[in-house]
Structure formats: structure tokens, C-alpha cells
C-alpha atoms as a PDB file:
ATOM      1  CA  MET A   1      -1.715  63.459   9.368  1.00  0.00           C
ATOM      2  CA  LEU A   2      -1.704  65.891  12.264  1.00  0.00           C
ATOM      3  CA  ASP A   3       0.733  65.335  15.123  1.00  0.00           C
ATOM      4  CA  GLY A   4      -0.645  64.424  18.527  1.00  0.00           C
ATOM      5  CA  VAL A   5      -3.924  62.905  17.371  1.00  0.00           C
ATOM      6  CA  GLY A   6      -2.574  59.648  15.962  1.00  0.00           C
ATOM      7  CA  GLY A   7      -5.053  57.757  13.852  1.00  0.00           C
ATOM      8  CA  MET A   8      -8.094  59.532  15.265  1.00  0.00           C
ATOM      9  CA  LEU A   9     -10.744  60.761  12.834  1.00  0.00           C
ATOM     10  CA  LEU A  10      -9.872  64.296  13.928  1.00  0.00           C
ATOM     11  CA  ALA A  11      -6.497  63.822  12.209  1.00  0.00           C
ATOM     12  CA  TYR A  12      -8.234  64.062   8.835  1.00  0.00           C
ATOM     13  CA  SER A  13     -10.337  67.144   9.644  1.00  0.00           C
ATOM     14  CA  ASP A  14      -8.021  69.749   8.084  1.00  0.00           C
ATOM     15  CA  LEU A  15      -9.373  68.905   4.641  1.00  0.00           C
ATOM     16  CA  PHE A  16     -12.835  67.739   3.625  1.00  0.00           C
ATOM     17  CA  LEU A  17     -13.705  67.003   0.001  1.00  0.00           C
ATOM     18  CA  VAL A  18     -17.404  67.800  -0.453  1.00  0.00           C
ATOM     19  CA  GLN A  19     -19.965  68.333  -3.190  1.00  0.00           C
ATOM     20  CA  CYS A  20     -20.199  72.002  -4.096  1.00  0.00           C
ATOM     21  CA  PRO A  21     -23.674  73.348  -3.186  1.00  0.00           C
ATOM     22  CA  ARG A  22     -23.723  75.370  -6.408  1.00  0.00           C
ATOM     23  CA  CYS A  23     -22.316  73.055  -9.138  1.00  0.00           C
ATOM     24  CA  SER A  24     -22.010  69.616  -7.396  1.00  0.00           C
ATOM     25  CA  SER A  25     -18.343  69.229  -8.365  1.00  0.00           C
ATOM     26  CA  CYS A  26     -15.584  68.546  -5.836  1.00  0.00           C
ATOM     27  CA  ALA A  27     -15.090  71.450  -3.420  1.00  0.00           C
ATOM     28  CA  ARG A  28     -12.663  71.681  -0.486  1.00  0.00           C
ATOM     29  CA  ILE A  29     -13.198  72.683   3.118  1.00  0.00           C
ATOM     30  CA  PHE A  30      -9.914  73.615   4.745  1.00  0.00           C
ATOM     31  CA  THR A  31      -8.335  75.683   7.505  1.00  0.00           C
ATOM     32  CA  PRO A  32      -6.982  78.964   6.072  1.00  0.00           C
ATOM     33  CA  ASN A  33      -3.456  79.994   7.085  1.00  0.00           C
ATOM     34  CA  ASN A  34      -3.356  82.156  10.227  1.00  0.00           C
ATOM     35  CA  ALA A  35      -7.028  81.496  10.870  1.00  0.00           C
ATOM     36  CA  LYS A  36      -6.721  82.896  14.402  1.00  0.00           C
ATOM     37  CA  GLY A  37      -3.496  84.835  14.277  1.00  0.00           C
ATOM     38  CA  LYS A  38       0.043  83.921  15.197  1.00  0.00           C
ATOM     39  CA  ASP A  39      -0.253  83.948  18.987  1.00  0.00           C
ATOM     40  CA  GLU A  40      -3.417  81.866  19.295  1.00  0.00           C
ATOM     41  CA  PRO A  41      -2.995  78.189  20.199  1.00  0.00           C
ATOM     42  CA  ARG A  42      -4.423  75.664  17.767  1.00  0.00           C
ATOM     43  CA  TYR A  43      -7.573  73.816  18.840  1.00  0.00           C
ATOM     44  CA  LEU A  44      -8.211  71.110  16.280  1.00  0.00           C
ATOM     45  CA  GLY A  45     -11.758  71.148  15.011  1.00  0.00           C
ATOM     46  CA  HIS A  46     -12.405  74.658  16.374  1.00  0.00           C
ATOM     47  CA  GLU A  47     -10.707  76.829  13.769  1.00  0.00           C
ATOM     48  CA  SER A  48     -12.027  78.979  10.953  1.00  0.00           C
ATOM     49  CA  LYS A  49     -12.925  76.933   7.895  1.00  0.00           C
ATOM     50  CA  ARG A  50     -13.259  77.938   4.254  1.00  0.00           C
ATOM     51  CA  LEU A  51     -15.379  76.222   1.609  1.00  0.00           C
ATOM     52  CA  LEU A  52     -13.912  76.696  -1.866  1.00  0.00           C
ATOM     53  CA  CYS A  53     -14.934  75.302  -5.245  1.00  0.00           C
ATOM     54  CA  VAL A  54     -12.294  75.906  -7.901  1.00  0.00           C
ATOM     55  CA  LYS A  55     -14.703  74.972 -10.704  1.00  0.00           C
ATOM     56  CA  CYS A  56     -17.413  77.596 -10.101  1.00  0.00           C
ATOM     57  CA  GLY A  57     -15.636  79.895  -7.614  1.00  0.00           C
ATOM     58  CA  TYR A  58     -18.103  79.379  -4.750  1.00  0.00           C
ATOM     59  CA  THR A  59     -16.592  80.485  -1.426  1.00  0.00           C
ATOM     60  CA  LYS A  60     -17.966  80.555   2.109  1.00  0.00           C
ATOM     61  CA  ASP A  61     -16.224  81.017   5.464  1.00  0.00           C
ATOM     62  CA  ILE A  62     -17.248  79.956   8.938  1.00  0.00           C
ATOM     63  CA  HIS A  63     -15.588  81.303  12.084  1.00  0.00           C
ATOM     64  CA  PRO A  64     -15.639  80.153  15.711  1.00  0.00           C
ATOM     65  CA  LYS A  65     -16.207  82.598  18.547  1.00  0.00           C
ATOM     66  CA  ARG A  66     -14.763  82.777  22.043  1.00  0.00           C
ATOM     67  CA  ARG A  67     -16.942  81.110  24.627  1.00  0.00           C
ATOM     68  CA  TRP A  68     -17.391  82.053  28.277  1.00  0.00           C
ATOM     69  CA  ASP A  69     -14.443  79.761  29.215  1.00  0.00           C
ATOM     70  CA  ASN A  70     -12.127  81.560  26.748  1.00  0.00           C
ATOM     71  CA  LEU A  71     -12.052  78.606  24.327  1.00  0.00           C
ATOM     72  CA  TRP A  72     -12.964  78.822  20.646  1.00  0.00           C
ATOM     73  CA  ALA A  73     -16.160  77.117  19.470  1.00  0.00           C
ATOM     74  CA  PHE A  74     -18.725  77.395  16.708  1.00  0.00           C
ATOM     75  CA  SER A  75     -22.083  78.904  17.519  1.00  0.00           C
ATOM     76  CA  HIS A  76     -23.878  76.001  15.816  1.00  0.00           C
ATOM     77  CA  GLU A  77     -23.760  72.293  16.594  1.00  0.00           C
ATOM     78  CA  LEU A  78     -21.224  70.479  14.430  1.00  0.00           C
ATOM     79  CA  TYR A  79     -22.613  67.833  12.082  1.00  0.00           C
ATOM     80  CA  ASN A  80     -22.230  64.124  12.806  1.00  0.00           C
ATOM     81  CA  GLU A  81     -19.713  62.357  10.558  1.00  0.00           C
ATOM     82  CA  LYS A  82     -21.869  59.215  10.537  1.00  0.00           C
ATOM     83  CA  GLN A  83     -24.262  61.006   8.197  1.00  0.00           C
ATOM     84  CA  GLY A  84     -21.652  61.180   5.394  1.00  0.00           C
ATOM     85  CA  VAL A  85     -21.421  64.982   5.576  1.00  0.00           C
ATOM     86  CA  ASP A  86     -18.666  67.378   6.616  1.00  0.00           C
ATOM     87  CA  TRP A  87     -18.677  68.638  10.222  1.00  0.00           C
ATOM     88  CA  TYR A  88     -18.900  72.359   9.495  1.00  0.00           C
ATOM     89  CA  PHE A  89     -21.265  73.069   6.587  1.00  0.00           C
ATOM     90  CA  GLY A  90     -23.192  69.778   6.504  1.00  0.00           C
ATOM     91  CA  LEU A  91     -22.434  69.197   2.813  1.00  0.00           C
ATOM     92  CA  PRO A  92     -22.307  65.651   1.364  1.00  0.00           C
ATOM     93  CA  LEU A  93     -18.811  64.216   1.184  1.00  0.00           C
ATOM     94  CA  TYR A  94     -17.462  63.889  -2.347  1.00  0.00           C
ATOM     95  CA  LEU A  95     -15.756  60.554  -1.715  1.00  0.00           C
ATOM     96  CA  GLN A  96     -18.752  58.343  -1.027  1.00  0.00           C
ATOM     97  CA  THR A  97     -20.472  55.406  -2.673  1.00  0.00           C
ATOM     98  CA  GLN A  98     -22.752  52.489  -1.867  1.00  0.00           C
ATOM     99  CA  CYS A  99     -21.036  49.271  -0.798  1.00  0.00           C
ATOM    100  CA  CYS A 100     -22.492  46.072   0.696  1.00  0.00           C
ATOM    101  CA  GLY A 101     -25.815  47.857   1.195  1.00  0.00           C
ATOM    102  CA  HIS A 102     -24.205  50.684   3.208  1.00  0.00           C
ATOM    103  CA  LYS A 103     -22.782  54.118   2.535  1.00  0.00           C
ATOM    104  CA  LEU A 104     -18.983  54.127   2.305  1.00  0.00           C
ATOM    105  CA  TRP A 105     -17.423  57.589   2.738  1.00  0.00           C
ATOM    106  CA  PHE A 106     -14.072  59.285   3.343  1.00  0.00           C
ATOM    107  CA  PHE A 107     -13.144  62.854   4.307  1.00  0.00           C
ATOM    108  CA  ASN A 108     -10.242  63.067   1.855  1.00  0.00           C
ATOM    109  CA  TYR A 109      -7.736  60.915  -0.047  1.00  0.00           C
ATOM    110  CA  GLU A 110      -5.387  60.524   2.930  1.00  0.00           C
ATOM    111  CA  HIS A 111      -8.297  59.089   4.933  1.00  0.00           C
ATOM    112  CA  LEU A 112      -9.183  56.797   2.004  1.00  0.00           C
ATOM    113  CA  PHE A 113      -5.601  55.499   1.593  1.00  0.00           C
ATOM    114  CA  ASP A 114      -5.154  54.829   5.327  1.00  0.00           C
ATOM    115  CA  ILE A 115      -8.399  52.847   5.520  1.00  0.00           C
ATOM    116  CA  GLU A 116      -7.521  50.973   2.324  1.00  0.00           C
ATOM    117  CA  ILE A 117      -4.231  49.821   3.889  1.00  0.00           C
ATOM    118  CA  TYR A 118      -6.107  48.691   6.996  1.00  0.00           C
ATOM    119  CA  ILE A 119      -8.744  46.760   4.998  1.00  0.00           C
ATOM    120  CA  LYS A 120      -6.008  44.994   2.989  1.00  0.00           C
ATOM    121  CA  GLU A 121      -4.330  43.696   6.170  1.00  0.00           C
ATOM    122  CA  HIS A 122      -5.172  40.091   6.922  1.00  0.00           C
ATOM    123  CA  VAL A 123      -3.861  40.338  10.488  1.00  0.00           C
ATOM    124  CA  ARG A 124      -5.005  43.544  12.147  1.00  0.00           C
ATOM    125  CA  PRO A 125      -3.749  45.104  15.388  1.00  0.00           C
ATOM    126  CA  SER A 126      -5.528  44.010  18.537  1.00  0.00           C
ATOM    127  CA  GLY A 127      -3.954  46.444  20.987  1.00  0.00           C
ATOM    128  CA  LEU A 128      -5.478  49.518  22.600  1.00  0.00           C
ATOM    129  CA  TYR A 129      -6.341  51.529  19.553  1.00  0.00           C
ATOM    130  CA  TYR A 130      -9.946  52.243  20.500  1.00  0.00           C
ATOM    131  CA  LEU A 131      -9.722  55.965  19.682  1.00  0.00           C
ATOM    132  CA  SER A 132      -8.414  55.432  16.167  1.00  0.00           C
ATOM    133  CA  ALA A 133     -10.506  55.908  13.053  1.00  0.00           C
ATOM    134  CA  LYS A 134      -9.783  52.279  12.130  1.00  0.00           C
ATOM    135  CA  SER A 135     -11.271  50.944  15.349  1.00  0.00           C
ATOM    136  CA  ARG A 136     -14.428  52.976  14.726  1.00  0.00           C
ATOM    137  CA  LEU A 137     -15.082  51.446  11.314  1.00  0.00           C
ATOM    138  CA  PRO A 138     -18.429  49.674  11.042  1.00  0.00           C
ATOM    139  CA  LYS A 139     -18.308  45.905  11.400  1.00  0.00           C
ATOM    140  CA  TRP A 140     -19.430  45.280   7.804  1.00  0.00           C
ATOM    141  CA  MET A 141     -16.261  47.010   6.539  1.00  0.00           C
ATOM    142  CA  LYS A 142     -13.999  44.885   8.724  1.00  0.00           C
ATOM    143  CA  LEU A 143     -15.504  41.521   7.788  1.00  0.00           C
ATOM    144  CA  SER A 144     -13.247  39.420   5.559  1.00  0.00           C
ATOM    145  CA  LYS A 145     -16.233  38.329   3.430  1.00  0.00           C
ATOM    146  CA  ASN A 146     -16.727  42.000   2.398  1.00  0.00           C
ATOM    147  CA  ARG A 147     -13.023  42.784   1.873  1.00  0.00           C
ATOM    148  CA  ASP A 148     -13.035  42.429  -1.926  1.00  0.00           C
ATOM    149  CA  GLU A 149     -16.191  44.501  -2.393  1.00  0.00           C
ATOM    150  CA  VAL A 150     -14.935  47.247  -0.044  1.00  0.00           C
ATOM    151  CA  LEU A 151     -11.592  47.380  -1.865  1.00  0.00           C
ATOM    152  CA  LYS A 152     -13.383  47.610  -5.245  1.00  0.00           C
ATOM    153  CA  ALA A 153     -15.450  50.528  -3.950  1.00  0.00           C
ATOM    154  CA  ILE A 154     -12.308  52.237  -2.616  1.00  0.00           C
ATOM    155  CA  THR A 155     -10.594  51.778  -5.981  1.00  0.00           C
ATOM    156  CA  LYS A 156     -13.619  53.323  -7.705  1.00  0.00           C
ATOM    157  CA  LEU A 157     -13.425  56.360  -5.380  1.00  0.00           C
ATOM    158  CA  LYS A 158      -9.697  56.824  -6.024  1.00  0.00           C
ATOM    159  CA  PHE A 159     -10.425  57.829  -9.613  1.00  0.00           C
ATOM    160  CA  LEU A 160     -13.118  60.450  -8.924  1.00  0.00           C
END
């Protein structure tokens, strides 16, 4: 997980596992090394991203541009994570399935494992964690009556 962003959803944004637009296998969206050069500060979520499928070789890059206020940003609107797609290319996430009549999705395996640990907990934190990815989970995932079904779906996704 990235330092300084705690359990926020942004902490998982350095790697998205998505369906390849060409062959539908598992492709990766990641931040290439030295995406902006050595002297540029890192702005999470506003760095160059590369889509790469190792099965068919599909590759595509997307780069942010400097805005009027000297910050880096993409020229297009980023996609909403609630749609079950990655933020940058809008491709369907690879780790997703139906569960309890809803779509259950994860950005990557680290995201999946962290949420699995949270769902397994019988006593969950009640402090100020309102910015964390765990606090933003939909209510149906947090309900104890759905715990077993959610954990079965997570287990199924682990072996994709």
C-alpha cells in the first residue's frame, strides 16, 4: 500500500487488473517507472499509466498534461470506480463477480485481501476512518447475514 494515503481507495490505484480489450484475459494498468522524470513530485492518480496484456501483447499509454495551475491532470474525466471499471481507460475490472444481487469488484489482489480481512472481522473499528476504502463499502457487503456469501465470492475471485 502507498504511504500517506492509509486505507483510502487511492492506495490501490498503482495497479488495476482489467479485462484486455483485445483478448479479454487479465491485463494490468500500472504506473511506469520514471513516468514524469526524477525531479517531478508524485501526484497519486495523476501519473502516466500503461495498459499491458502479457497474453496478446496489447499496450496503450495515457499521459497527463500540465494544467494552468502547474499541476498534472488528464485531459479527460476519470471514470467512476462505482461502475466496476478502472479510472483511466474505463475497462472492466478483472476481479469482479455477482454477489447478493450486486456487483462485487476489486482493483487488484491487495485490495481483495484487505477487504477480505475486514469482512472476516466480527468486531469492526468504529473510529474516524471515514476516508478509508473499508468505510466506503456498500452496506450489503458489511451486513453479517451476507458475510458467508461475500467470502465465498472473494474466494472464487482469488483463483482467477
